[in-house]
Amino acid sequence: MENNFGKLGTNQIEALQKAQPIVDGILKAQDDGDYDTFCSYFEGALKQNITKDDFHKNQQNIENSMGKVVKTHFITSLKRAGLVGLVYKCKFSKSDDDFMVTITFNDNSDPLMATGIWIS
């Protein structure tokens, strides 16, 4: 299957060198309930779409039902609405289940910024 890293890089190694610190920062901020740090990794529209109160409610729901992220494993990249989506298999501390986390990036932004996150 073809990987779609866009301008993040020509291969997985190049793309993850750029994106992985952002992914790790987003997931840590989510675990820590740190709204301002979480938002700092995203393009500005996120703060308009997710209020501080909404973020904390969502963070508490994740913490109570799934726990904190304990392991991530990159699976693939996706082309999604002109963005680059990075898909991870994740383990959380309070569940034996596997979860999928997708983080999208605007690979044209400078500096590189995320545009969205989905956990399923």
PDB file of N, CA and C in Angstrom:
ATOM      1  N   MET A   1       0.843  -1.179   0.000  1.00  0.00           N
ATOM      2  CA  MET A   1       0.000   0.000   0.000  1.00  0.00           C
ATOM      3  C   MET A   1       0.893   1.248   0.000  1.00  0.00           C
ATOM      4  N   GLU A   2       0.491   2.211  -0.758  1.00  0.00           N
ATOM      5  CA  GLU A   2       1.250   3.455  -0.878  1.00  0.00           C
ATOM      6  C   GLU A   2       1.075   4.323   0.363  1.00  0.00           C
ATOM      7  N   ASN A   3       2.176   4.895   0.825  1.00  0.00           N
ATOM      8  CA  ASN A   3       2.102   5.864   1.911  1.00  0.00           C
ATOM      9  C   ASN A   3       2.021   7.262   1.324  1.00  0.00           C
ATOM     10  N   ASN A   4       1.252   8.111   1.956  1.00  0.00           N
ATOM     11  CA  ASN A   4       1.030   9.472   1.488  1.00  0.00           C
ATOM     12  C   ASN A   4       1.537  10.455   2.526  1.00  0.00           C
ATOM     13  N   PHE A   5       2.811  10.791   2.447  1.00  0.00           N
ATOM     14  CA  PHE A   5       3.399  11.691   3.432  1.00  0.00           C
ATOM     15  C   PHE A   5       3.418  13.141   2.984  1.00  0.00           C
ATOM     16  N   GLY A   6       3.003  13.396   1.748  1.00  0.00           N
ATOM     17  CA  GLY A   6       3.000  14.768   1.253  1.00  0.00           C
ATOM     18  C   GLY A   6       4.367  15.401   1.411  1.00  0.00           C
ATOM     19  N   LYS A   7       4.382  16.643   1.880  1.00  0.00           N
ATOM     20  CA  LYS A   7       5.631  17.379   2.048  1.00  0.00           C
ATOM     21  C   LYS A   7       6.349  17.053   3.364  1.00  0.00           C
ATOM     22  N   LEU A   8       5.772  16.116   4.146  1.00  0.00           N
ATOM     23  CA  LEU A   8       6.446  15.708   5.378  1.00  0.00           C
ATOM     24  C   LEU A   8       7.723  14.940   5.075  1.00  0.00           C
ATOM     25  N   GLY A   9       7.779  14.287   3.927  1.00  0.00           N
ATOM     26  CA  GLY A   9       8.968  13.536   3.560  1.00  0.00           C
ATOM     27  C   GLY A   9       8.673  12.526   2.476  1.00  0.00           C
ATOM     28  N   THR A  10       9.732  11.972   1.905  1.00  0.00           N
ATOM     29  CA  THR A  10       9.571  11.001   0.825  1.00  0.00           C
ATOM     30  C   THR A  10       9.353   9.593   1.341  1.00  0.00           C
ATOM     31  N   ASN A  11       9.564   9.405   2.652  1.00  0.00           N
ATOM     32  CA  ASN A  11       9.371   8.072   3.236  1.00  0.00           C
ATOM     33  C   ASN A  11       8.987   8.223   4.710  1.00  0.00           C
ATOM     34  N   GLN A  12       8.710   7.097   5.329  1.00  0.00           N
ATOM     35  CA  GLN A  12       8.252   7.087   6.719  1.00  0.00           C
ATOM     36  C   GLN A  12       9.280   7.703   7.670  1.00  0.00           C
ATOM     37  N   ILE A  13      10.531   7.394   7.494  1.00  0.00           N
ATOM     38  CA  ILE A  13      11.559   7.908   8.403  1.00  0.00           C
ATOM     39  C   ILE A  13      11.600   9.429   8.359  1.00  0.00           C
ATOM     40  N   GLU A  14      11.639  10.009   7.161  1.00  0.00           N
ATOM     41  CA  GLU A  14      11.675  11.471   7.033  1.00  0.00           C
ATOM     42  C   GLU A  14      10.424  12.113   7.622  1.00  0.00           C
ATOM     43  N   ALA A  15       9.265  11.538   7.307  1.00  0.00           N
ATOM     44  CA  ALA A  15       8.000  12.119   7.768  1.00  0.00           C
ATOM     45  C   ALA A  15       7.882  12.075   9.285  1.00  0.00           C
ATOM     46  N   LEU A  16       8.239  10.953   9.882  1.00  0.00           N
ATOM     47  CA  LEU A  16       8.099  10.831  11.335  1.00  0.00           C
ATOM     48  C   LEU A  16       9.137  11.663  12.078  1.00  0.00           C
ATOM     49  N   GLN A  17      10.291  11.918  11.469  1.00  0.00           N
ATOM     50  CA  GLN A  17      11.259  12.810  12.110  1.00  0.00           C
ATOM     51  C   GLN A  17      10.649  14.194  12.313  1.00  0.00           C
ATOM     52  N   LYS A  18       9.826  14.623  11.372  1.00  0.00           N
ATOM     53  CA  LYS A  18       9.175  15.933  11.486  1.00  0.00           C
ATOM     54  C   LYS A  18       7.935  15.876  12.371  1.00  0.00           C
ATOM     55  N   ALA A  19       7.117  14.852  12.191  1.00  0.00           N
ATOM     56  CA  ALA A  19       5.799  14.822  12.819  1.00  0.00           C
ATOM     57  C   ALA A  19       5.762  14.185  14.203  1.00  0.00           C
ATOM     58  N   GLN A  20       6.636  13.223  14.482  1.00  0.00           N
ATOM     59  CA  GLN A  20       6.544  12.476  15.742  1.00  0.00           C
ATOM     60  C   GLN A  20       6.640  13.353  16.988  1.00  0.00           C
ATOM     61  N   PRO A  21       7.535  14.346  17.027  1.00  0.00           N
ATOM     62  CA  PRO A  21       7.556  15.209  18.229  1.00  0.00           C
ATOM     63  C   PRO A  21       6.225  15.928  18.462  1.00  0.00           C
ATOM     64  N   ILE A  22       5.532  16.274  17.395  1.00  0.00           N
ATOM     65  CA  ILE A  22       4.224  16.928  17.517  1.00  0.00           C
ATOM     66  C   ILE A  22       3.195  15.926  18.019  1.00  0.00           C
ATOM     67  N   VAL A  23       3.193  14.729  17.443  1.00  0.00           N
ATOM     68  CA  VAL A  23       2.267  13.676  17.883  1.00  0.00           C
ATOM     69  C   VAL A  23       2.481  13.387  19.365  1.00  0.00           C
ATOM     70  N   ASP A  24       3.739  13.198  19.766  1.00  0.00           N
ATOM     71  CA  ASP A  24       4.039  12.907  21.174  1.00  0.00           C
ATOM     72  C   ASP A  24       3.590  14.049  22.082  1.00  0.00           C
ATOM     73  N   GLY A  25       3.808  15.286  21.639  1.00  0.00           N
ATOM     74  CA  GLY A  25       3.399  16.449  22.431  1.00  0.00           C
ATOM     75  C   GLY A  25       1.887  16.541  22.588  1.00  0.00           C
ATOM     76  N   ILE A  26       1.163  16.263  21.511  1.00  0.00           N
ATOM     77  CA  ILE A  26      -0.300  16.286  21.556  1.00  0.00           C
ATOM     78  C   ILE A  26      -0.818  15.242  22.541  1.00  0.00           C
ATOM     79  N   LEU A  27      -0.302  14.015  22.434  1.00  0.00           N
ATOM     80  CA  LEU A  27      -0.788  12.934  23.299  1.00  0.00           C
ATOM     81  C   LEU A  27      -0.419  13.181  24.763  1.00  0.00           C
ATOM     82  N   LYS A  28       0.769  13.735  25.018  1.00  0.00           N
ATOM     83  CA  LYS A  28       1.148  14.055  26.401  1.00  0.00           C
ATOM     84  C   LYS A  28       0.263  15.158  26.958  1.00  0.00           C
ATOM     85  N   ALA A  29       0.014  16.200  26.174  1.00  0.00           N
ATOM     86  CA  ALA A  29      -0.852  17.282  26.636  1.00  0.00           C
ATOM     87  C   ALA A  29      -2.266  16.771  26.905  1.00  0.00           C
ATOM     88  N   GLN A  30      -2.739  15.847  26.070  1.00  0.00           N
ATOM     89  CA  GLN A  30      -4.052  15.230  26.283  1.00  0.00           C
ATOM     90  C   GLN A  30      -4.044  14.467  27.615  1.00  0.00           C
ATOM     91  N   ASP A  31      -3.014  13.654  27.827  1.00  0.00           N
ATOM     92  CA  ASP A  31      -2.900  12.902  29.082  1.00  0.00           C
ATOM     93  C   ASP A  31      -2.837  13.827  30.292  1.00  0.00           C
ATOM     94  N   ASP A  32      -2.101  14.929  30.166  1.00  0.00           N
ATOM     95  CA  ASP A  32      -1.905  15.851  31.287  1.00  0.00           C
ATOM     96  C   ASP A  32      -3.073  16.818  31.485  1.00  0.00           C
ATOM     97  N   GLY A  33      -4.009  16.860  30.541  1.00  0.00           N
ATOM     98  CA  GLY A  33      -5.111  17.810  30.638  1.00  0.00           C
ATOM     99  C   GLY A  33      -4.648  19.243  30.430  1.00  0.00           C
ATOM    100  N   ASP A  34      -3.604  19.437  29.616  1.00  0.00           N
ATOM    101  CA  ASP A  34      -3.007  20.752  29.401  1.00  0.00           C
ATOM    102  C   ASP A  34      -3.541  21.350  28.093  1.00  0.00           C
ATOM    103  N   TYR A  35      -4.626  22.075  28.203  1.00  0.00           N
ATOM    104  CA  TYR A  35      -5.321  22.646  27.041  1.00  0.00           C
ATOM    105  C   TYR A  35      -4.428  23.572  26.222  1.00  0.00           C
ATOM    106  N   ASP A  36      -3.723  24.468  26.882  1.00  0.00           N
ATOM    107  CA  ASP A  36      -2.913  25.438  26.148  1.00  0.00           C
ATOM    108  C   ASP A  36      -1.789  24.767  25.367  1.00  0.00           C
ATOM    109  N   THR A  37      -1.111  23.811  25.981  1.00  0.00           N
ATOM    110  CA  THR A  37      -0.060  23.084  25.258  1.00  0.00           C
ATOM    111  C   THR A  37      -0.662  22.259  24.142  1.00  0.00           C
ATOM    112  N   PHE A  38      -1.774  21.590  24.411  1.00  0.00           N
ATOM    113  CA  PHE A  38      -2.474  20.805  23.383  1.00  0.00           C
ATOM    114  C   PHE A  38      -2.765  21.687  22.174  1.00  0.00           C
ATOM    115  N   CYS A  39      -3.353  22.849  22.411  1.00  0.00           N
ATOM    116  CA  CYS A  39      -3.723  23.757  21.313  1.00  0.00           C
ATOM    117  C   CYS A  39      -2.506  24.310  20.586  1.00  0.00           C
ATOM    118  N   SER A  40      -1.372  24.412  21.263  1.00  0.00           N
ATOM    119  CA  SER A  40      -0.181  24.998  20.635  1.00  0.00           C
ATOM    120  C   SER A  40       0.341  24.165  19.474  1.00  0.00           C
ATOM    121  N   TYR A  41      -0.052  22.911  19.406  1.00  0.00           N
ATOM    122  CA  TYR A  41       0.390  22.033  18.320  1.00  0.00           C
ATOM    123  C   TYR A  41      -0.533  22.088  17.105  1.00  0.00           C
ATOM    124  N   PHE A  42      -1.657  22.784  17.232  1.00  0.00           N
ATOM    125  CA  PHE A  42      -2.673  22.806  16.180  1.00  0.00           C
ATOM    126  C   PHE A  42      -2.785  24.188  15.549  1.00  0.00           C
ATOM    127  N   GLU A  43      -3.267  24.186  14.304  1.00  0.00           N
ATOM    128  CA  GLU A  43      -3.592  25.454  13.655  1.00  0.00           C
ATOM    129  C   GLU A  43      -4.656  26.167  14.479  1.00  0.00           C
ATOM    130  N   GLY A  44      -4.739  27.479  14.361  1.00  0.00           N
ATOM    131  CA  GLY A  44      -5.574  28.324  15.201  1.00  0.00           C
ATOM    132  C   GLY A  44      -7.043  27.985  15.287  1.00  0.00           C
ATOM    133  N   ALA A  45      -7.612  27.386  14.263  1.00  0.00           N
ATOM    134  CA  ALA A  45      -9.044  27.099  14.261  1.00  0.00           C
ATOM    135  C   ALA A  45      -9.455  26.127  15.359  1.00  0.00           C
ATOM    136  N   LEU A  46      -8.524  25.343  15.869  1.00  0.00           N
ATOM    137  CA  LEU A  46      -8.874  24.354  16.890  1.00  0.00           C
ATOM    138  C   LEU A  46      -9.465  25.008  18.131  1.00  0.00           C
ATOM    139  N   LYS A  47      -8.879  26.117  18.584  1.00  0.00           N
ATOM    140  CA  LYS A  47      -9.390  26.774  19.789  1.00  0.00           C
ATOM    141  C   LYS A  47     -10.816  27.268  19.596  1.00  0.00           C
ATOM    142  N   GLN A  48     -11.187  27.572  18.368  1.00  0.00           N
ATOM    143  CA  GLN A  48     -12.562  27.991  18.095  1.00  0.00           C
ATOM    144  C   GLN A  48     -13.510  26.791  18.116  1.00  0.00           C
ATOM    145  N   ASN A  49     -12.995  25.623  17.776  1.00  0.00           N
ATOM    146  CA  ASN A  49     -13.836  24.425  17.699  1.00  0.00           C
ATOM    147  C   ASN A  49     -13.885  23.631  19.000  1.00  0.00           C
ATOM    148  N   ILE A  50     -12.824  23.707  19.799  1.00  0.00           N
ATOM    149  CA  ILE A  50     -12.772  22.971  21.067  1.00  0.00           C
ATOM    150  C   ILE A  50     -12.480  23.972  22.179  1.00  0.00           C
ATOM    151  N   THR A  51     -13.478  24.232  22.992  1.00  0.00           N
ATOM    152  CA  THR A  51     -13.279  25.148  24.120  1.00  0.00           C
ATOM    153  C   THR A  51     -12.483  24.441  25.216  1.00  0.00           C
ATOM    154  N   LYS A  52     -11.975  25.221  26.143  1.00  0.00           N
ATOM    155  CA  LYS A  52     -11.226  24.655  27.263  1.00  0.00           C
ATOM    156  C   LYS A  52     -12.102  23.683  28.056  1.00  0.00           C
ATOM    157  N   ASP A  53     -13.370  24.061  28.259  1.00  0.00           N
ATOM    158  CA  ASP A  53     -14.297  23.201  28.993  1.00  0.00           C
ATOM    159  C   ASP A  53     -14.541  21.895  28.242  1.00  0.00           C
ATOM    160  N   ASP A  54     -14.759  21.981  26.917  1.00  0.00           N
ATOM    161  CA  ASP A  54     -14.962  20.772  26.105  1.00  0.00           C
ATOM    162  C   ASP A  54     -13.729  19.876  26.159  1.00  0.00           C
ATOM    163  N   PHE A  55     -12.543  20.487  26.065  1.00  0.00           N
ATOM    164  CA  PHE A  55     -11.290  19.721  26.124  1.00  0.00           C
ATOM    165  C   PHE A  55     -11.202  18.954  27.432  1.00  0.00           C
ATOM    166  N   HIS A  56     -11.465  19.630  28.553  1.00  0.00           N
ATOM    167  CA  HIS A  56     -11.334  18.979  29.852  1.00  0.00           C
ATOM    168  C   HIS A  56     -12.378  17.886  30.049  1.00  0.00           C
ATOM    169  N   LYS A  57     -13.597  18.085  29.556  1.00  0.00           N
ATOM    170  CA  LYS A  57     -14.613  17.024  29.640  1.00  0.00           C
ATOM    171  C   LYS A  57     -14.165  15.804  28.846  1.00  0.00           C
ATOM    172  N   ASN A  58     -13.663  16.024  27.638  1.00  0.00           N
ATOM    173  CA  ASN A  58     -13.196  14.930  26.794  1.00  0.00           C
ATOM    174  C   ASN A  58     -11.989  14.238  27.427  1.00  0.00           C
ATOM    175  N   GLN A  59     -11.070  15.032  27.960  1.00  0.00           N
ATOM    176  CA  GLN A  59      -9.877  14.470  28.597  1.00  0.00           C
ATOM    177  C   GLN A  59     -10.257  13.603  29.796  1.00  0.00           C
ATOM    178  N   GLN A  60     -11.218  14.052  30.584  1.00  0.00           N
ATOM    179  CA  GLN A  60     -11.662  13.270  31.733  1.00  0.00           C
ATOM    180  C   GLN A  60     -12.361  11.978  31.298  1.00  0.00           C
ATOM    181  N   ASN A  61     -13.153  12.037  30.240  1.00  0.00           N
ATOM    182  CA  ASN A  61     -13.793  10.823  29.716  1.00  0.00           C
ATOM    183  C   ASN A  61     -12.750   9.807  29.261  1.00  0.00           C
ATOM    184  N   ILE A  62     -11.728  10.287  28.559  1.00  0.00           N
ATOM    185  CA  ILE A  62     -10.659   9.390  28.112  1.00  0.00           C
ATOM    186  C   ILE A  62      -9.902   8.837  29.314  1.00  0.00           C
ATOM    187  N   GLU A  63      -9.560   9.702  30.250  1.00  0.00           N
ATOM    188  CA  GLU A  63      -8.824   9.267  31.446  1.00  0.00           C
ATOM    189  C   GLU A  63      -9.608   8.220  32.233  1.00  0.00           C
ATOM    190  N   ASN A  64     -10.909   8.450  32.419  1.00  0.00           N
ATOM    191  CA  ASN A  64     -11.730   7.544  33.214  1.00  0.00           C
ATOM    192  C   ASN A  64     -11.976   6.208  32.528  1.00  0.00           C
ATOM    193  N   SER A  65     -12.144   6.207  31.221  1.00  0.00           N
ATOM    194  CA  SER A  65     -12.489   4.963  30.531  1.00  0.00           C
ATOM    195  C   SER A  65     -11.288   4.239  29.919  1.00  0.00           C
ATOM    196  N   MET A  66     -10.285   4.989  29.445  1.00  0.00           N
ATOM    197  CA  MET A  66      -9.164   4.379  28.752  1.00  0.00           C
ATOM    198  C   MET A  66      -7.846   4.543  29.505  1.00  0.00           C
ATOM    199  N   GLY A  67      -7.727   5.625  30.250  1.00  0.00           N
ATOM    200  CA  GLY A  67      -6.486   5.901  30.959  1.00  0.00           C
ATOM    201  C   GLY A  67      -5.568   6.785  30.137  1.00  0.00           C
ATOM    202  N   LYS A  68      -4.287   6.637  30.358  1.00  0.00           N
ATOM    203  CA  LYS A  68      -3.271   7.421  29.657  1.00  0.00           C
ATOM    204  C   LYS A  68      -2.616   6.562  28.577  1.00  0.00           C
ATOM    205  N   VAL A  69      -2.074   7.219  27.574  1.00  0.00           N
ATOM    206  CA  VAL A  69      -1.379   6.510  26.504  1.00  0.00           C
ATOM    207  C   VAL A  69      -0.112   5.881  27.076  1.00  0.00           C
ATOM    208  N   VAL A  70       0.055   4.578  26.835  1.00  0.00           N
ATOM    209  CA  VAL A  70       1.264   3.902  27.302  1.00  0.00           C
ATOM    210  C   VAL A  70       2.131   3.416  26.143  1.00  0.00           C
ATOM    211  N   LYS A  71       1.538   3.311  24.944  1.00  0.00           N
ATOM    212  CA  LYS A  71       2.318   2.825  23.800  1.00  0.00           C
ATOM    213  C   LYS A  71       1.664   3.294  22.512  1.00  0.00           C
ATOM    214  N   THR A  72       2.496   3.752  21.574  1.00  0.00           N
ATOM    215  CA  THR A  72       2.008   4.096  20.246  1.00  0.00           C
ATOM    216  C   THR A  72       2.849   3.359  19.211  1.00  0.00           C
ATOM    217  N   HIS A  73       2.199   2.990  18.126  1.00  0.00           N
ATOM    218  CA  HIS A  73       2.891   2.320  17.016  1.00  0.00           C
ATOM    219  C   HIS A  73       2.341   2.890  15.716  1.00  0.00           C
ATOM    220  N   PHE A  74       3.201   3.515  14.917  1.00  0.00           N
ATOM    221  CA  PHE A  74       2.779   4.070  13.638  1.00  0.00           C
ATOM    222  C   PHE A  74       2.320   2.936  12.724  1.00  0.00           C
ATOM    223  N   ILE A  75       1.135   3.135  12.088  1.00  0.00           N
ATOM    224  CA  ILE A  75       0.579   2.127  11.183  1.00  0.00           C
ATOM    225  C   ILE A  75       0.711   2.548   9.727  1.00  0.00           C
ATOM    226  N   THR A  76       0.174   3.716   9.382  1.00  0.00           N
ATOM    227  CA  THR A  76       0.187   4.153   7.990  1.00  0.00           C
ATOM    228  C   THR A  76      -0.129   5.635   7.896  1.00  0.00           C
ATOM    229  N   SER A  77      -0.033   6.142   6.696  1.00  0.00           N
ATOM    230  CA  SER A  77      -0.444   7.513   6.431  1.00  0.00           C
ATOM    231  C   SER A  77      -1.618   7.497   5.468  1.00  0.00           C
ATOM    232  N   LEU A  78      -2.414   8.562   5.529  1.00  0.00           N
ATOM    233  CA  LEU A  78      -3.587   8.696   4.681  1.00  0.00           C
ATOM    234  C   LEU A  78      -3.595  10.069   4.034  1.00  0.00           C
ATOM    235  N   LYS A  79      -4.146  10.134   2.850  1.00  0.00           N
ATOM    236  CA  LYS A  79      -4.432  11.427   2.238  1.00  0.00           C
ATOM    237  C   LYS A  79      -5.877  11.724   2.588  1.00  0.00           C
ATOM    238  N   ARG A  80      -6.122  12.846   3.279  1.00  0.00           N
ATOM    239  CA  ARG A  80      -7.467  13.137   3.769  1.00  0.00           C
ATOM    240  C   ARG A  80      -7.777  14.616   3.562  1.00  0.00           C
ATOM    241  N   ALA A  81      -8.666  14.908   2.629  1.00  0.00           N
ATOM    242  CA  ALA A  81      -9.136  16.281   2.380  1.00  0.00           C
ATOM    243  C   ALA A  81      -7.978  17.259   2.188  1.00  0.00           C
ATOM    244  N   GLY A  82      -6.965  16.839   1.438  1.00  0.00           N
ATOM    245  CA  GLY A  82      -5.817  17.701   1.193  1.00  0.00           C
ATOM    246  C   GLY A  82      -4.825  17.748   2.335  1.00  0.00           C
ATOM    247  N   LEU A  83      -5.030  16.952   3.354  1.00  0.00           N
ATOM    248  CA  LEU A  83      -4.149  16.896   4.515  1.00  0.00           C
ATOM    249  C   LEU A  83      -3.442  15.544   4.558  1.00  0.00           C
ATOM    250  N   VAL A  84      -2.428  15.446   5.399  1.00  0.00           N
ATOM    251  CA  VAL A  84      -1.743  14.177   5.627  1.00  0.00           C
ATOM    252  C   VAL A  84      -2.212  13.642   6.975  1.00  0.00           C
ATOM    253  N   GLY A  85      -2.760  12.437   6.991  1.00  0.00           N
ATOM    254  CA  GLY A  85      -3.192  11.795   8.226  1.00  0.00           C
ATOM    255  C   GLY A  85      -2.205  10.717   8.627  1.00  0.00           C
ATOM    256  N   LEU A  86      -1.757  10.750   9.863  1.00  0.00           N
ATOM    257  CA  LEU A  86      -0.890   9.709  10.396  1.00  0.00           C
ATOM    258  C   LEU A  86      -1.714   8.870  11.356  1.00  0.00           C
ATOM    259  N   VAL A  87      -1.694   7.559  11.150  1.00  0.00           N
ATOM    260  CA  VAL A  87      -2.536   6.632  11.909  1.00  0.00           C
ATOM    261  C   VAL A  87      -1.653   5.786  12.822  1.00  0.00           C
ATOM    262  N   TYR A  88      -2.039   5.739  14.094  1.00  0.00           N
ATOM    263  CA  TYR A  88      -1.294   5.008  15.105  1.00  0.00           C
ATOM    264  C   TYR A  88      -2.196   3.990  15.803  1.00  0.00           C
ATOM    265  N   LYS A  89      -1.640   2.846  16.114  1.00  0.00           N
ATOM    266  CA  LYS A  89      -2.267   1.889  17.027  1.00  0.00           C
ATOM    267  C   LYS A  89      -1.757   2.264  18.411  1.00  0.00           C
ATOM    268  N   CYS A  90      -2.678   2.445  19.358  1.00  0.00           N
ATOM    269  CA  CYS A  90      -2.295   2.891  20.703  1.00  0.00           C
ATOM    270  C   CYS A  90      -2.853   1.978  21.775  1.00  0.00           C
ATOM    271  N   LYS A  91      -2.099   1.875  22.849  1.00  0.00           N
ATOM    272  CA  LYS A  91      -2.537   1.197  24.070  1.00  0.00           C
ATOM    273  C   LYS A  91      -2.675   2.259  25.151  1.00  0.00           C
ATOM    274  N   PHE A  92      -3.735   2.099  25.954  1.00  0.00           N
ATOM    275  CA  PHE A  92      -3.984   2.997  27.077  1.00  0.00           C
ATOM    276  C   PHE A  92      -3.922   2.204  28.375  1.00  0.00           C
ATOM    277  N   SER A  93      -3.639   2.891  29.472  1.00  0.00           N
ATOM    278  CA  SER A  93      -3.345   2.235  30.744  1.00  0.00           C
ATOM    279  C   SER A  93      -4.521   1.509  31.392  1.00  0.00           C
ATOM    280  N   LYS A  94      -5.751   1.883  31.083  1.00  0.00           N
ATOM    281  CA  LYS A  94      -6.904   1.278  31.757  1.00  0.00           C
ATOM    282  C   LYS A  94      -7.721   0.348  30.864  1.00  0.00           C
ATOM    283  N   SER A  95      -7.159  -0.050  29.726  1.00  0.00           N
ATOM    284  CA  SER A  95      -7.920  -0.894  28.808  1.00  0.00           C
ATOM    285  C   SER A  95      -7.003  -1.907  28.143  1.00  0.00           C
ATOM    286  N   ASP A  96      -7.545  -3.101  27.943  1.00  0.00           N
ATOM    287  CA  ASP A  96      -6.819  -4.126  27.194  1.00  0.00           C
ATOM    288  C   ASP A  96      -7.027  -3.969  25.691  1.00  0.00           C
ATOM    289  N   ASP A  97      -7.956  -3.090  25.305  1.00  0.00           N
ATOM    290  CA  ASP A  97      -8.274  -2.900  23.892  1.00  0.00           C
ATOM    291  C   ASP A  97      -7.200  -2.084  23.184  1.00  0.00           C
ATOM    292  N   ASP A  98      -7.146  -2.257  21.878  1.00  0.00           N
ATOM    293  CA  ASP A  98      -6.332  -1.403  21.020  1.00  0.00           C
ATOM    294  C   ASP A  98      -7.201  -0.250  20.545  1.00  0.00           C
ATOM    295  N   PHE A  99      -6.585   0.906  20.370  1.00  0.00           N
ATOM    296  CA  PHE A  99      -7.287   2.073  19.863  1.00  0.00           C
ATOM    297  C   PHE A  99      -6.521   2.628  18.673  1.00  0.00           C
ATOM    298  N   MET A 100      -7.247   3.294  17.793  1.00  0.00           N
ATOM    299  CA  MET A 100      -6.630   3.936  16.652  1.00  0.00           C
ATOM    300  C   MET A 100      -6.682   5.443  16.878  1.00  0.00           C
ATOM    301  N   VAL A 101      -5.531   6.085  16.740  1.00  0.00           N
ATOM    302  CA  VAL A 101      -5.438   7.533  16.837  1.00  0.00           C
ATOM    303  C   VAL A 101      -4.965   8.040  15.488  1.00  0.00           C
ATOM    304  N   THR A 102      -5.722   8.964  14.911  1.00  0.00           N
ATOM    305  CA  THR A 102      -5.354   9.603  13.652  1.00  0.00           C
ATOM    306  C   THR A 102      -5.141  11.083  13.925  1.00  0.00           C
ATOM    307  N   ILE A 103      -3.993  11.578  13.513  1.00  0.00           N
ATOM    308  CA  ILE A 103      -3.691  13.006  13.633  1.00  0.00           C
ATOM    309  C   ILE A 103      -3.409  13.519  12.231  1.00  0.00           C
ATOM    310  N   THR A 104      -4.126  14.579  11.847  1.00  0.00           N
ATOM    311  CA  THR A 104      -3.930  15.147  10.521  1.00  0.00           C
ATOM    312  C   THR A 104      -3.033  16.379  10.599  1.00  0.00           C
ATOM    313  N   PHE A 105      -2.298  16.589   9.512  1.00  0.00           N
ATOM    314  CA  PHE A 105      -1.360  17.699   9.403  1.00  0.00           C
ATOM    315  C   PHE A 105      -1.597  18.461   8.117  1.00  0.00           C
ATOM    316  N   ASN A 106      -1.425  19.762   8.204  1.00  0.00           N
ATOM    317  CA  ASN A 106      -1.343  20.596   7.022  1.00  0.00           C
ATOM    318  C   ASN A 106       0.134  20.641   6.663  1.00  0.00           C
ATOM    319  N   ASP A 107       0.531  19.849   5.665  1.00  0.00           N
ATOM    320  CA  ASP A 107       1.957  19.748   5.353  1.00  0.00           C
ATOM    321  C   ASP A 107       2.486  20.985   4.637  1.00  0.00           C
ATOM    322  N   ASN A 108       1.608  21.959   4.364  1.00  0.00           N
ATOM    323  CA  ASN A 108       2.043  23.235   3.788  1.00  0.00           C
ATOM    324  C   ASN A 108       2.311  24.291   4.846  1.00  0.00           C
ATOM    325  N   SER A 109       1.956  24.007   6.109  1.00  0.00           N
ATOM    326  CA  SER A 109       2.140  25.019   7.152  1.00  0.00           C
ATOM    327  C   SER A 109       3.602  25.105   7.580  1.00  0.00           C
ATOM    328  N   ASP A 110       4.018  26.308   7.903  1.00  0.00           N
ATOM    329  CA  ASP A 110       5.372  26.540   8.374  1.00  0.00           C
ATOM    330  C   ASP A 110       5.306  27.506   9.545  1.00  0.00           C
ATOM    331  N   PRO A 111       5.499  27.046  10.757  1.00  0.00           N
ATOM    332  CA  PRO A 111       5.963  25.711  11.114  1.00  0.00           C
ATOM    333  C   PRO A 111       4.863  24.663  10.947  1.00  0.00           C
ATOM    334  N   LEU A 112       5.272  23.403  10.924  1.00  0.00           N
ATOM    335  CA  LEU A 112       4.340  22.292  10.781  1.00  0.00           C
ATOM    336  C   LEU A 112       3.355  22.285  11.942  1.00  0.00           C
ATOM    337  N   MET A 113       2.056  22.191  11.599  1.00  0.00           N
ATOM    338  CA  MET A 113       1.014  22.192  12.621  1.00  0.00           C
ATOM    339  C   MET A 113       0.023  21.067  12.320  1.00  0.00           C
ATOM    340  N   ALA A 114      -0.547  20.506  13.381  1.00  0.00           N
ATOM    341  CA  ALA A 114      -1.617  19.527  13.234  1.00  0.00           C
ATOM    342  C   ALA A 114      -2.924  20.267  12.977  1.00  0.00           C
ATOM    343  N   THR A 115      -3.890  19.563  12.383  1.00  0.00           N
ATOM    344  CA  THR A 115      -5.186  20.165  12.137  1.00  0.00           C
ATOM    345  C   THR A 115      -6.323  19.434  12.836  1.00  0.00           C
ATOM    346  N   GLY A 116      -6.110  18.181  13.221  1.00  0.00           N
ATOM    347  CA  GLY A 116      -7.180  17.435  13.883  1.00  0.00           C
ATOM    348  C   GLY A 116      -6.674  16.158  14.527  1.00  0.00           C
ATOM    349  N   ILE A 117      -7.490  15.613  15.428  1.00  0.00           N
ATOM    350  CA  ILE A 117      -7.182  14.349  16.098  1.00  0.00           C
ATOM    351  C   ILE A 117      -8.466  13.571  16.280  1.00  0.00           C
ATOM    352  N   TRP A 118      -8.395  12.258  16.027  1.00  0.00           N
ATOM    353  CA  TRP A 118      -9.537  11.360  16.209  1.00  0.00           C
ATOM    354  C   TRP A 118      -9.043  10.129  16.943  1.00  0.00           C
ATOM    355  N   ILE A 119      -9.784   9.715  17.936  1.00  0.00           N
ATOM    356  CA  ILE A 119      -9.481   8.498  18.675  1.00  0.00           C
ATOM    357  C   ILE A 119     -10.670   7.573  18.531  1.00  0.00           C
ATOM    358  N   SER A 120     -10.402   6.356  18.055  1.00  0.00           N
ATOM    359  CA  SER A 120     -11.492   5.376  17.908  1.00  0.00           C
ATOM    360  C   SER A 120     -11.024   4.008  18.344  1.00  0.00           C
TER     361      SER A 120
END
